[in-house]
């Protein structure tokens, strides 16, 4: 679903809860015959579905407003340069996605690597596009501690977007030639 230029994606968990509770409500009404349950049940189900959508929209809208600020202020870094001395600093990182976690909850965590190492990149909302393992991405975010009071440096991403892979002349020459079909 898209509202303006903000893409709103519900997580699978609220949808599953909505479906389970809808089944329970309909089954209870069918078994008991008490249609008064629908008076409070239907609005409750609507709110169970709407509240996560509204929260997702609000966070997506907030992050979209921060992207231009981070694009202007972010320092381009390599993975091995990210440490606690950069705490709360905006950074830009280009790398390859090596792992993805928790995308189904709209709170994804990515492990992004470059030739100097790998780092955890956390988001507190879903990215604007589907990010998969192996994608070359640009991350805009802020360096934070993994845990509130302790832990290693990680990046709290405001934006993670796919970028085109670097193509060199050597890579162009190494492309396999398509063979025609033999008859």
C-alpha atoms as a PDB file:
ATOM      1  CA  UNK A   1       0.000   0.000   0.000  1.00  0.00           C
ATOM      2  CA  UNK A   2       1.293   3.466  -0.847  1.00  0.00           C
ATOM      3  CA  UNK A   3       0.222   6.720   0.830  1.00  0.00           C
ATOM      4  CA  UNK A   4       1.718   9.671  -1.029  1.00  0.00           C
ATOM      5  CA  UNK A   5       5.301   8.622  -1.678  1.00  0.00           C
ATOM      6  CA  UNK A   6       5.480   6.497   1.483  1.00  0.00           C
ATOM      7  CA  UNK A   7       5.221   2.741   1.028  1.00  0.00           C
ATOM      8  CA  UNK A   8       3.404   1.118   3.959  1.00  0.00           C
ATOM      9  CA  UNK A   9       3.944  -2.602   4.457  1.00  0.00           C
ATOM     10  CA  UNK A  10       2.257  -4.467   7.277  1.00  0.00           C
ATOM     11  CA  UNK A  11       4.328  -7.092   9.055  1.00  0.00           C
ATOM     12  CA  UNK A  12       3.200 -10.696   8.853  1.00  0.00           C
ATOM     13  CA  UNK A  13       2.717 -10.979  12.634  1.00  0.00           C
ATOM     14  CA  UNK A  14      -0.198  -8.491  12.954  1.00  0.00           C
ATOM     15  CA  UNK A  15      -1.837 -10.046   9.905  1.00  0.00           C
ATOM     16  CA  UNK A  16      -1.547 -13.521  11.454  1.00  0.00           C
ATOM     17  CA  UNK A  17      -2.976 -12.253  14.766  1.00  0.00           C
ATOM     18  CA  UNK A  18      -5.829 -10.556  12.875  1.00  0.00           C
ATOM     19  CA  UNK A  19      -6.690 -13.761  11.016  1.00  0.00           C
ATOM     20  CA  UNK A  20      -6.535 -15.948  14.125  1.00  0.00           C
ATOM     21  CA  UNK A  21      -8.688 -13.581  16.177  1.00  0.00           C
ATOM     22  CA  UNK A  22     -11.156 -13.209  13.286  1.00  0.00           C
ATOM     23  CA  UNK A  23     -11.530 -16.984  13.174  1.00  0.00           C
ATOM     24  CA  UNK A  24     -11.994 -17.150  16.966  1.00  0.00           C
ATOM     25  CA  UNK A  25     -14.589 -14.358  16.902  1.00  0.00           C
ATOM     26  CA  UNK A  26     -16.576 -15.905  14.039  1.00  0.00           C
ATOM     27  CA  UNK A  27     -16.412 -19.366  15.602  1.00  0.00           C
ATOM     28  CA  UNK A  28     -17.591 -18.004  18.966  1.00  0.00           C
ATOM     29  CA  UNK A  29     -20.499 -16.151  17.331  1.00  0.00           C
ATOM     30  CA  UNK A  30     -21.428 -19.289  15.371  1.00  0.00           C
ATOM     31  CA  UNK A  31     -21.277 -21.572  18.441  1.00  0.00           C
ATOM     32  CA  UNK A  32     -23.017 -19.242  20.908  1.00  0.00           C
ATOM     33  CA  UNK A  33     -25.321 -17.444  18.491  1.00  0.00           C
ATOM     34  CA  UNK A  34     -24.559 -14.201  20.348  1.00  0.00           C
ATOM     35  CA  UNK A  35     -24.268 -11.574  17.607  1.00  0.00           C
ATOM     36  CA  UNK A  36     -23.605  -8.877  20.222  1.00  0.00           C
ATOM     37  CA  UNK A  37     -19.983 -10.083  20.245  1.00  0.00           C
ATOM     38  CA  UNK A  38     -19.632  -8.519  16.794  1.00  0.00           C
ATOM     39  CA  UNK A  39     -20.363  -5.056  18.248  1.00  0.00           C
ATOM     40  CA  UNK A  40     -17.009  -4.958  20.037  1.00  0.00           C
ATOM     41  CA  UNK A  41     -15.256  -7.679  18.048  1.00  0.00           C
ATOM     42  CA  UNK A  42     -15.246  -6.056  14.606  1.00  0.00           C
ATOM     43  CA  UNK A  43     -13.888  -2.674  15.805  1.00  0.00           C
ATOM     44  CA  UNK A  44     -11.235  -4.483  17.869  1.00  0.00           C
ATOM     45  CA  UNK A  45     -10.153  -6.482  14.806  1.00  0.00           C
ATOM     46  CA  UNK A  46      -9.997  -3.318  12.699  1.00  0.00           C
ATOM     47  CA  UNK A  47      -7.760  -1.659  15.290  1.00  0.00           C
ATOM     48  CA  UNK A  48      -5.537  -4.745  15.489  1.00  0.00           C
ATOM     49  CA  UNK A  49      -4.913  -4.302  11.764  1.00  0.00           C
ATOM     50  CA  UNK A  50      -4.841  -0.489  11.593  1.00  0.00           C
ATOM     51  CA  UNK A  51      -2.531   0.327  14.515  1.00  0.00           C
ATOM     52  CA  UNK A  52       0.538  -1.461  13.039  1.00  0.00           C
ATOM     53  CA  UNK A  53      -0.157   0.157   9.641  1.00  0.00           C
ATOM     54  CA  UNK A  54      -0.326   3.633  11.189  1.00  0.00           C
ATOM     55  CA  UNK A  55       2.868   3.034  13.179  1.00  0.00           C
ATOM     56  CA  UNK A  56       4.631   1.773  10.044  1.00  0.00           C
ATOM     57  CA  UNK A  57       3.494   4.834   8.097  1.00  0.00           C
ATOM     58  CA  UNK A  58       4.692   7.186  10.833  1.00  0.00           C
ATOM     59  CA  UNK A  59       8.141   5.603  11.021  1.00  0.00           C
ATOM     60  CA  UNK A  60       8.478   5.444   7.216  1.00  0.00           C
ATOM     61  CA  UNK A  61       7.496   9.120   6.984  1.00  0.00           C
ATOM     62  CA  UNK A  62       9.988  10.082   9.703  1.00  0.00           C
ATOM     63  CA  UNK A  63      12.822   8.138   8.038  1.00  0.00           C
ATOM     64  CA  UNK A  64      11.997   9.632   4.611  1.00  0.00           C
ATOM     65  CA  UNK A  65      12.436  13.094   6.121  1.00  0.00           C
ATOM     66  CA  UNK A  66      15.823  12.153   7.567  1.00  0.00           C
ATOM     67  CA  UNK A  67      17.321  10.760   4.341  1.00  0.00           C
ATOM     68  CA  UNK A  68      18.218  14.174   2.786  1.00  0.00           C
ATOM     69  CA  UNK A  69      19.872  15.248   6.046  1.00  0.00           C
ATOM     70  CA  UNK A  70      21.935  12.072   6.227  1.00  0.00           C
ATOM     71  CA  UNK A  71      22.841  12.304   2.522  1.00  0.00           C
ATOM     72  CA  UNK A  72      24.266  15.791   3.130  1.00  0.00           C
ATOM     73  CA  UNK A  73      26.041  15.092   6.436  1.00  0.00           C
ATOM     74  CA  UNK A  74      27.110  11.437   6.270  1.00  0.00           C
ATOM     75  CA  UNK A  75      30.800  10.594   6.228  1.00  0.00           C
ATOM     76  CA  UNK A  76      31.694   7.765   3.826  1.00  0.00           C
ATOM     77  CA  UNK A  77      33.333   4.950   5.791  1.00  0.00           C
ATOM     78  CA  UNK A  78      34.567   1.389   5.345  1.00  0.00           C
ATOM     79  CA  UNK A  79      33.491  -1.334   7.776  1.00  0.00           C
ATOM     80  CA  UNK A  80      36.840  -1.395   9.590  1.00  0.00           C
ATOM     81  CA  UNK A  81      36.514   2.350  10.306  1.00  0.00           C
ATOM     82  CA  UNK A  82      33.220   1.992  12.191  1.00  0.00           C
ATOM     83  CA  UNK A  83      33.884   1.952  15.930  1.00  0.00           C
ATOM     84  CA  UNK A  84      32.615   3.560  19.121  1.00  0.00           C
ATOM     85  CA  UNK A  85      34.575   6.760  18.433  1.00  0.00           C
ATOM     86  CA  UNK A  86      31.990   7.442  15.680  1.00  0.00           C
ATOM     87  CA  UNK A  87      29.083   7.006  18.128  1.00  0.00           C
ATOM     88  CA  UNK A  88      26.069   9.122  17.070  1.00  0.00           C
ATOM     89  CA  UNK A  89      27.821  10.200  13.840  1.00  0.00           C
ATOM     90  CA  UNK A  90      26.008   9.912  10.489  1.00  0.00           C
ATOM     91  CA  UNK A  91      27.809   7.521   8.145  1.00  0.00           C
ATOM     92  CA  UNK A  92      27.515   6.213   4.590  1.00  0.00           C
ATOM     93  CA  UNK A  93      28.623   2.654   3.881  1.00  0.00           C
ATOM     94  CA  UNK A  94      28.680   0.770   0.584  1.00  0.00           C
ATOM     95  CA  UNK A  95      28.858  -3.003   0.731  1.00  0.00           C
ATOM     96  CA  UNK A  96      27.336  -6.377  -0.049  1.00  0.00           C
ATOM     97  CA  UNK A  97      24.481  -7.829   2.012  1.00  0.00           C
ATOM     98  CA  UNK A  98      25.790 -11.073   3.490  1.00  0.00           C
ATOM     99  CA  UNK A  99      22.808 -11.953   5.734  1.00  0.00           C
ATOM    100  CA  UNK A 100      19.281 -10.715   6.409  1.00  0.00           C
ATOM    101  CA  UNK A 101      17.215 -11.255   9.546  1.00  0.00           C
ATOM    102  CA  UNK A 102      13.719 -10.280  10.800  1.00  0.00           C
ATOM    103  CA  UNK A 103      12.417  -8.801   7.547  1.00  0.00           C
ATOM    104  CA  UNK A 104       9.049 -10.423   8.205  1.00  0.00           C
ATOM    105  CA  UNK A 105       8.697  -8.253  11.340  1.00  0.00           C
ATOM    106  CA  UNK A 106       9.456  -4.979   9.482  1.00  0.00           C
ATOM    107  CA  UNK A 107      12.462  -4.595  11.807  1.00  0.00           C
ATOM    108  CA  UNK A 108      15.199  -5.982   9.567  1.00  0.00           C
ATOM    109  CA  UNK A 109      18.811  -6.516  10.490  1.00  0.00           C
ATOM    110  CA  UNK A 110      21.389  -6.908   7.751  1.00  0.00           C
ATOM    111  CA  UNK A 111      24.997  -8.001   7.882  1.00  0.00           C
ATOM    112  CA  UNK A 112      26.773  -5.815   5.336  1.00  0.00           C
ATOM    113  CA  UNK A 113      30.353  -6.413   4.352  1.00  0.00           C
ATOM    114  CA  UNK A 114      33.057  -4.864   2.267  1.00  0.00           C
ATOM    115  CA  UNK A 115      36.648  -5.954   1.733  1.00  0.00           C
ATOM    116  CA  UNK A 116      37.595  -4.718   5.211  1.00  0.00           C
ATOM    117  CA  UNK A 117      35.037  -6.697   7.246  1.00  0.00           C
ATOM    118  CA  UNK A 118      31.345  -6.948   8.057  1.00  0.00           C
ATOM    119  CA  UNK A 119      28.963  -5.041  10.344  1.00  0.00           C
ATOM    120  CA  UNK A 120      25.417  -5.348  11.589  1.00  0.00           C
ATOM    121  CA  UNK A 121      22.994  -2.792  10.140  1.00  0.00           C
ATOM    122  CA  UNK A 122      19.693  -2.432  12.012  1.00  0.00           C
ATOM    123  CA  UNK A 123      16.538  -0.715  10.824  1.00  0.00           C
ATOM    124  CA  UNK A 124      13.487   0.061  12.891  1.00  0.00           C
ATOM    125  CA  UNK A 125      11.208   0.130   9.870  1.00  0.00           C
ATOM    126  CA  UNK A 126      11.093  -1.732   6.574  1.00  0.00           C
ATOM    127  CA  UNK A 127      13.359  -0.465   3.780  1.00  0.00           C
ATOM    128  CA  UNK A 128      11.725   1.101   0.731  1.00  0.00           C
ATOM    129  CA  UNK A 129      12.763  -1.813  -1.472  1.00  0.00           C
ATOM    130  CA  UNK A 130      13.263  -5.531  -0.960  1.00  0.00           C
ATOM    131  CA  UNK A 131      16.871  -6.175   0.075  1.00  0.00           C
ATOM    132  CA  UNK A 132      18.261  -9.687  -0.391  1.00  0.00           C
ATOM    133  CA  UNK A 133      21.491 -11.491   0.320  1.00  0.00           C
ATOM    134  CA  UNK A 134      24.069 -10.612  -2.316  1.00  0.00           C
ATOM    135  CA  UNK A 135      22.679  -7.156  -3.126  1.00  0.00           C
ATOM    136  CA  UNK A 136      25.157  -4.290  -3.339  1.00  0.00           C
ATOM    137  CA  UNK A 137      23.741  -1.548  -1.116  1.00  0.00           C
ATOM    138  CA  UNK A 138      24.358   1.937   0.173  1.00  0.00           C
ATOM    139  CA  UNK A 139      23.562   2.390   3.862  1.00  0.00           C
ATOM    140  CA  UNK A 140      22.884   5.781   5.424  1.00  0.00           C
ATOM    141  CA  UNK A 141      22.682   5.716   9.192  1.00  0.00           C
ATOM    142  CA  UNK A 142      24.098   6.497  12.573  1.00  0.00           C
ATOM    143  CA  UNK A 143      26.618   4.552  14.606  1.00  0.00           C
ATOM    144  CA  UNK A 144      25.100   3.171  17.824  1.00  0.00           C
ATOM    145  CA  UNK A 145      26.001   0.557  20.416  1.00  0.00           C
ATOM    146  CA  UNK A 146      24.460  -2.857  19.844  1.00  0.00           C
ATOM    147  CA  UNK A 147      22.888  -2.719  23.284  1.00  0.00           C
ATOM    148  CA  UNK A 148      21.856   0.533  24.983  1.00  0.00           C
ATOM    149  CA  UNK A 149      24.668   0.642  27.523  1.00  0.00           C
ATOM    150  CA  UNK A 150      27.243  -1.723  26.026  1.00  0.00           C
ATOM    151  CA  UNK A 151      28.255  -3.697  22.988  1.00  0.00           C
ATOM    152  CA  UNK A 152      30.113  -3.183  19.751  1.00  0.00           C
ATOM    153  CA  UNK A 153      29.342  -0.495  17.209  1.00  0.00           C
ATOM    154  CA  UNK A 154      26.518  -1.171  14.742  1.00  0.00           C
ATOM    155  CA  UNK A 155      24.748   1.069  12.262  1.00  0.00           C
ATOM    156  CA  UNK A 156      21.173   2.208  12.848  1.00  0.00           C
ATOM    157  CA  UNK A 157      20.123   2.684   9.224  1.00  0.00           C
ATOM    158  CA  UNK A 158      17.827   5.440   8.064  1.00  0.00           C
ATOM    159  CA  UNK A 159      18.055   4.204   4.485  1.00  0.00           C
ATOM    160  CA  UNK A 160      19.384   1.118   2.781  1.00  0.00           C
ATOM    161  CA  UNK A 161      19.046   0.998  -0.968  1.00  0.00           C
ATOM    162  CA  UNK A 162      20.335  -1.157  -3.778  1.00  0.00           C
ATOM    163  CA  UNK A 163      22.996   0.268  -6.028  1.00  0.00           C
ATOM    164  CA  UNK A 164      24.304  -1.099  -9.270  1.00  0.00           C
ATOM    165  CA  UNK A 165      27.313  -3.392  -9.022  1.00  0.00           C
ATOM    166  CA  UNK A 166      30.599  -1.951 -10.205  1.00  0.00           C
ATOM    167  CA  UNK A 167      31.366  -3.218 -13.692  1.00  0.00           C
ATOM    168  CA  UNK A 168      34.977  -3.156 -14.818  1.00  0.00           C
ATOM    169  CA  UNK A 169      36.380  -3.724 -18.284  1.00  0.00           C
ATOM    170  CA  UNK A 170      37.762  -7.086 -17.163  1.00  0.00           C
ATOM    171  CA  UNK A 171      34.320  -8.176 -15.999  1.00  0.00           C
ATOM    172  CA  UNK A 172      32.814  -7.182 -19.350  1.00  0.00           C
ATOM    173  CA  UNK A 173      35.416  -9.258 -21.199  1.00  0.00           C
ATOM    174  CA  UNK A 174      34.813 -12.289 -18.992  1.00  0.00           C
ATOM    175  CA  UNK A 175      31.067 -12.455 -19.685  1.00  0.00           C
ATOM    176  CA  UNK A 176      30.208 -15.765 -21.309  1.00  0.00           C
ATOM    177  CA  UNK A 177      29.005 -15.469 -24.866  1.00  0.00           C
ATOM    178  CA  UNK A 178      25.514 -16.734 -25.595  1.00  0.00           C
ATOM    179  CA  UNK A 179      25.545 -19.711 -27.872  1.00  0.00           C
ATOM    180  CA  UNK A 180      22.991 -20.103 -30.594  1.00  0.00           C
ATOM    181  CA  UNK A 181      20.628 -23.016 -30.621  1.00  0.00           C
ATOM    182  CA  UNK A 182      21.824 -25.928 -32.673  1.00  0.00           C
ATOM    183  CA  UNK A 183      19.426 -27.686 -34.914  1.00  0.00           C
END
